[in-house]
């Protein structure tokens, strides 16, 4: 793009001519003398070219720069958040399996949010439970056992990580919203049974009235590994791989081989 010699206008210095254009700055000659500006940043607020065609090209360069800066900010923010997560202490069994007792399957997958359930007795009966053991490292496993089907055949429907600002102890309404990126729904043909991953001594004949059952981080890791194997298409399999790597990172777990 040829900027040298182009007429330009500055909101304070008035009319000028571009004298020099280098990688990240331009020099403009005004009646008051020469001034240097960052390129293309200065065009965001202060500079306007009289050549509309070249101005359009500058606007495109500015858009590219703004996107790069935004991605850099997101990357830095994500690295800071991951570092904070890795510095926190977590329970070894801070993963959650939801039984779809007080949740509706269609609503959960349309909103990608879960209800932690209500207290069943005592002075707080009917009020939302605080999922106090859930943290940002907690995967929320979605399971369901259809009516008339043995509890042993409870299926895994999907999984998600909580939204970035989630804090279980502060979740007074009991609503757990999912992370926009780390969430996976299994298709009907991608069959996984929940109780296959739970030690026999901890298995039950009926799920009961509670919405959440807590499981170990290692158990959830094994489930996520197997989810990578049952997912059929490449795109979702890569998403599951990203989910798995993120889960291991925030839970300080080493990748395990089958």
Protein backbone atom coordinates (compact mmCIF):
# COMPACT_ATOMS: atom_id res chain seq x y z
CA UNK A 1 0.00 0.00 0.00
CA UNK A 2 1.45 3.37 -1.05
CA UNK A 3 0.88 6.02 1.63
CA UNK A 4 3.77 8.39 0.91
CA UNK A 5 2.51 11.56 -0.72
CA UNK A 6 -1.11 10.97 0.26
CA UNK A 7 -3.17 13.84 1.67
CA UNK A 8 -4.32 13.24 5.19
CA UNK A 9 -6.33 14.99 7.91
CA UNK A 10 -5.68 15.01 11.67
CA UNK A 11 -8.40 16.01 14.13
CA UNK A 12 -6.02 18.47 15.87
CA UNK A 13 -3.21 19.34 13.44
CA UNK A 14 -5.41 19.67 10.36
CA UNK A 15 -4.28 18.88 6.79
CA UNK A 16 -0.97 17.18 6.06
CA UNK A 17 1.00 15.00 3.64
CA UNK A 18 2.44 11.58 4.41
CA UNK A 19 6.22 11.93 4.18
CA UNK A 20 7.33 8.46 5.24
CA UNK A 21 5.69 5.09 5.90
CA UNK A 22 7.43 2.23 7.70
CA UNK A 23 6.35 -1.02 9.34
CA UNK A 24 4.51 0.37 12.34
CA UNK A 25 4.59 4.15 12.03
CA UNK A 26 4.11 6.95 9.54
CA UNK A 27 5.56 10.48 9.40
CA UNK A 28 3.25 13.30 8.34
CA UNK A 29 4.22 16.86 7.42
CA UNK A 30 1.82 19.50 8.79
CA UNK A 31 2.09 23.29 8.69
CA UNK A 32 3.38 23.09 12.27
CA UNK A 33 6.08 20.59 11.31
CA UNK A 34 6.53 16.80 11.14
CA UNK A 35 4.69 14.38 13.42
CA UNK A 36 5.07 10.61 13.81
CA UNK A 37 2.14 8.28 14.46
CA UNK A 38 1.71 4.57 15.07
CA UNK A 39 0.40 2.75 12.02
CA UNK A 40 -2.38 1.75 11.66
CA UNK A 41 -3.50 2.53 15.24
CA UNK A 42 -3.61 6.29 14.72
CA UNK A 43 -6.29 5.81 12.05
CA UNK A 44 -8.66 4.50 14.67
CA UNK A 45 -9.32 7.98 16.10
CA UNK A 46 -7.04 10.69 14.77
CA UNK A 47 -6.19 10.30 11.06
CA UNK A 48 -8.26 10.19 7.88
CA UNK A 49 -6.99 9.80 4.32
CA UNK A 50 -8.60 11.79 1.53
CA UNK A 51 -8.06 8.89 -0.86
CA UNK A 52 -11.11 6.73 -0.03
CA UNK A 53 -9.70 3.62 -1.72
CA UNK A 54 -6.49 3.72 0.30
CA UNK A 55 -8.48 4.60 3.43
CA UNK A 56 -10.46 1.38 2.94
CA UNK A 57 -7.21 -0.60 2.79
CA UNK A 58 -6.01 1.09 5.98
CA UNK A 59 -9.32 0.23 7.68
CA UNK A 60 -8.81 -3.42 6.75
CA UNK A 61 -5.28 -3.36 8.20
CA UNK A 62 -6.69 -1.76 11.35
CA UNK A 63 -9.30 -4.53 11.68
CA UNK A 64 -6.59 -7.19 11.39
CA UNK A 65 -4.52 -5.47 14.08
CA UNK A 66 -7.50 -5.15 16.42
CA UNK A 67 -8.33 -8.84 16.02
CA UNK A 68 -4.71 -9.78 16.76
CA UNK A 69 -4.68 -7.60 19.87
CA UNK A 70 -7.98 -9.07 21.04
CA UNK A 71 -6.69 -12.62 20.57
CA UNK A 72 -3.55 -11.70 22.48
CA UNK A 73 -5.63 -10.31 25.35
CA UNK A 74 -7.75 -13.46 25.39
CA UNK A 75 -4.63 -15.64 25.38
CA UNK A 76 -3.02 -13.70 28.24
CA UNK A 77 -6.26 -13.80 30.22
CA UNK A 78 -6.59 -17.55 29.67
CA UNK A 79 -2.99 -18.16 30.76
CA UNK A 80 -3.52 -16.10 33.91
CA UNK A 81 -6.74 -17.98 34.69
CA UNK A 82 -5.10 -21.37 34.16
CA UNK A 83 -2.19 -20.37 36.38
CA UNK A 84 -4.64 -19.32 39.10
CA UNK A 85 -6.50 -22.61 38.77
CA UNK A 86 -3.32 -24.61 39.10
CA UNK A 87 -2.39 -22.75 42.27
CA UNK A 88 -5.69 -23.61 43.97
CA UNK A 89 -6.29 -26.68 46.09
CA UNK A 90 -9.06 -29.01 44.97
CA UNK A 91 -10.82 -32.00 46.47
CA UNK A 92 -9.72 -35.36 45.01
CA UNK A 93 -13.42 -36.14 44.45
CA UNK A 94 -14.69 -32.79 43.19
CA UNK A 95 -16.26 -34.17 40.01
CA UNK A 96 -20.03 -34.37 39.71
CA UNK A 97 -22.41 -36.85 38.09
CA UNK A 98 -25.94 -35.53 37.59
CA UNK A 99 -28.85 -37.98 37.56
CA UNK A 100 -31.55 -35.89 35.82
CA UNK A 101 -33.79 -36.10 38.88
CA UNK A 102 -34.84 -32.44 38.89
CA UNK A 103 -33.37 -31.60 35.50
CA UNK A 104 -34.97 -32.01 32.10
CA UNK A 105 -32.85 -33.47 29.31
CA UNK A 106 -34.11 -31.16 26.55
CA UNK A 107 -33.75 -28.03 28.69
CA UNK A 108 -30.25 -28.93 29.81
CA UNK A 109 -28.98 -29.37 26.27
CA UNK A 110 -30.78 -26.30 24.96
CA UNK A 111 -29.45 -24.00 27.72
CA UNK A 112 -26.29 -25.93 28.66
CA UNK A 113 -27.02 -25.35 32.33
CA UNK A 114 -27.91 -27.62 35.24
CA UNK A 115 -29.84 -27.33 38.49
CA UNK A 116 -27.97 -28.69 41.50
CA UNK A 117 -31.22 -29.89 43.08
CA UNK A 118 -33.21 -28.97 46.18
CA UNK A 119 -32.89 -29.91 49.83
CA UNK A 120 -35.22 -32.80 50.59
CA UNK A 121 -35.70 -32.24 54.30
CA UNK A 122 -35.04 -29.93 57.24
CA UNK A 123 -35.51 -26.17 57.49
CA UNK A 124 -34.12 -25.67 53.98
CA UNK A 125 -36.47 -28.19 52.34
CA UNK A 126 -37.33 -27.13 48.80
CA UNK A 127 -34.56 -24.53 48.60
CA UNK A 128 -31.72 -24.86 46.07
CA UNK A 129 -28.70 -26.84 47.19
CA UNK A 130 -25.37 -25.07 47.18
CA UNK A 131 -22.96 -27.22 45.12
CA UNK A 132 -20.17 -26.26 47.52
CA UNK A 133 -17.78 -28.99 46.41
CA UNK A 134 -17.87 -27.92 42.79
CA UNK A 135 -15.07 -25.71 41.53
CA UNK A 136 -13.79 -24.54 38.17
CA UNK A 137 -11.95 -27.86 37.90
CA UNK A 138 -15.16 -29.87 38.27
CA UNK A 139 -16.51 -31.67 35.24
CA UNK A 140 -20.31 -32.07 35.30
CA UNK A 141 -21.25 -35.47 33.91
CA UNK A 142 -24.79 -35.80 32.52
CA UNK A 143 -26.40 -39.20 33.09
CA UNK A 144 -29.89 -40.60 32.66
CA UNK A 145 -31.68 -43.86 33.32
CA UNK A 146 -34.86 -44.25 31.26
CA UNK A 147 -38.04 -45.48 32.95
CA UNK A 148 -38.30 -49.24 33.06
CA UNK A 149 -34.58 -49.69 32.44
CA UNK A 150 -32.25 -51.22 35.02
CA UNK A 151 -30.17 -48.66 36.95
CA UNK A 152 -27.13 -50.65 35.83
CA UNK A 153 -27.81 -49.32 32.32
CA UNK A 154 -27.69 -45.63 33.30
CA UNK A 155 -26.26 -43.87 30.25
CA UNK A 156 -23.77 -41.04 30.02
CA UNK A 157 -25.28 -38.32 27.84
CA UNK A 158 -22.54 -35.69 27.87
CA UNK A 159 -20.30 -33.54 30.02
CA UNK A 160 -19.32 -29.92 30.55
CA UNK A 161 -16.97 -27.75 32.57
CA UNK A 162 -18.46 -24.82 34.53
CA UNK A 163 -18.31 -21.28 33.23
CA UNK A 164 -15.12 -19.40 34.05
CA UNK A 165 -16.54 -17.29 36.89
CA UNK A 166 -18.25 -20.24 38.64
CA UNK A 167 -17.85 -20.72 42.38
CA UNK A 168 -19.94 -23.48 43.99
CA UNK A 169 -20.22 -21.87 47.42
CA UNK A 170 -21.62 -18.70 45.83
CA UNK A 171 -24.12 -20.54 43.61
CA UNK A 172 -27.20 -19.62 45.67
CA UNK A 173 -29.74 -20.36 42.93
CA UNK A 174 -28.23 -23.79 42.30
CA UNK A 175 -27.81 -23.11 38.58
CA UNK A 176 -24.53 -24.29 37.06
CA UNK A 177 -23.83 -22.78 33.65
CA UNK A 178 -21.45 -24.46 31.25
CA UNK A 179 -18.22 -23.20 29.77
CA UNK A 180 -18.84 -21.99 26.20
CA UNK A 181 -16.05 -24.14 24.81
CA UNK A 182 -15.71 -27.21 27.02
CA UNK A 183 -18.99 -29.07 26.61
CA UNK A 184 -19.84 -32.27 24.73
CA UNK A 185 -23.09 -34.09 23.99
CA UNK A 186 -22.95 -37.76 23.04
CA UNK A 187 -25.08 -39.03 20.18
CA UNK A 188 -27.53 -41.90 20.75
CA UNK A 189 -25.21 -44.40 19.06
CA UNK A 190 -22.26 -43.37 21.27
CA UNK A 191 -23.09 -45.63 24.20
CA UNK A 192 -21.42 -45.40 27.61
CA UNK A 193 -22.80 -46.75 30.90
CA UNK A 194 -22.10 -44.76 34.06
CA UNK A 195 -21.88 -47.60 36.58
CA UNK A 196 -19.17 -49.37 34.59
CA UNK A 197 -16.78 -46.76 36.01
CA UNK A 198 -17.88 -46.89 39.65
CA UNK A 199 -16.42 -49.41 42.12
CA UNK A 200 -18.91 -52.21 42.89
CA UNK A 201 -19.02 -51.29 46.57
CA UNK A 202 -20.31 -47.81 45.65
CA UNK A 203 -22.95 -48.92 43.16
CA UNK A 204 -26.65 -48.54 44.00
CA UNK A 205 -29.89 -50.19 42.88
CA UNK A 206 -31.63 -46.82 42.57
CA UNK A 207 -30.24 -43.34 42.06
CA UNK A 208 -32.61 -41.82 44.62
CA UNK A 209 -33.81 -38.23 44.97
CA UNK A 210 -30.46 -36.49 45.01
CA UNK A 211 -29.36 -34.77 41.83
CA UNK A 212 -25.57 -34.91 42.31
CA UNK A 213 -23.26 -37.77 43.14
CA UNK A 214 -19.61 -36.85 43.58
CA UNK A 215 -16.93 -38.99 42.00
CA UNK A 216 -13.16 -38.95 42.02
CA UNK A 217 -11.02 -36.92 39.66
CA UNK A 218 -9.35 -40.12 38.42
CA UNK A 219 -12.71 -41.74 37.67
CA UNK A 220 -13.79 -38.71 35.66
CA UNK A 221 -10.49 -38.77 33.82
CA UNK A 222 -11.09 -42.39 32.77
CA UNK A 223 -14.63 -41.53 31.61
CA UNK A 224 -13.35 -38.62 29.52
CA UNK A 225 -10.69 -40.81 27.95
CA UNK A 226 -13.32 -43.34 26.89
CA UNK A 227 -15.54 -40.58 25.56
CA UNK A 228 -12.76 -39.74 23.13
CA UNK A 229 -12.98 -43.30 21.81
CA UNK A 230 -16.75 -43.55 21.37
CA UNK A 231 -17.23 -40.20 19.62
CA UNK A 232 -17.61 -40.96 15.95
CA UNK A 233 -16.80 -37.80 13.97
CA UNK A 234 -13.41 -36.10 13.78
CA UNK A 235 -14.56 -32.58 14.70
CA UNK A 236 -16.25 -33.61 17.94
CA UNK A 237 -13.42 -36.01 18.73
CA UNK A 238 -10.97 -33.11 18.56
CA UNK A 239 -13.26 -31.05 20.77
CA UNK A 240 -13.29 -33.94 23.24
CA UNK A 241 -9.49 -34.13 23.10
CA UNK A 242 -9.29 -30.40 23.89
CA UNK A 243 -11.76 -30.93 26.76
CA UNK A 244 -9.70 -33.83 28.12
CA UNK A 245 -6.43 -31.91 27.98
CA UNK A 246 -8.03 -28.92 29.71
CA UNK A 247 -9.48 -31.19 32.41
CA UNK A 248 -6.10 -32.80 33.08
CA UNK A 249 -4.42 -29.40 33.20
CA UNK A 250 -6.75 -27.80 35.75
CA UNK A 251 -6.85 -30.96 37.87
CA UNK A 252 -3.05 -31.42 37.75
CA UNK A 253 -3.41 -34.92 36.30
CA UNK A 254 -0.97 -36.61 33.98
CA UNK A 255 -2.32 -37.98 30.73
CA UNK A 256 -2.90 -41.73 31.02
CA UNK A 257 -2.63 -44.38 28.32
CA UNK A 258 -5.15 -47.12 27.68
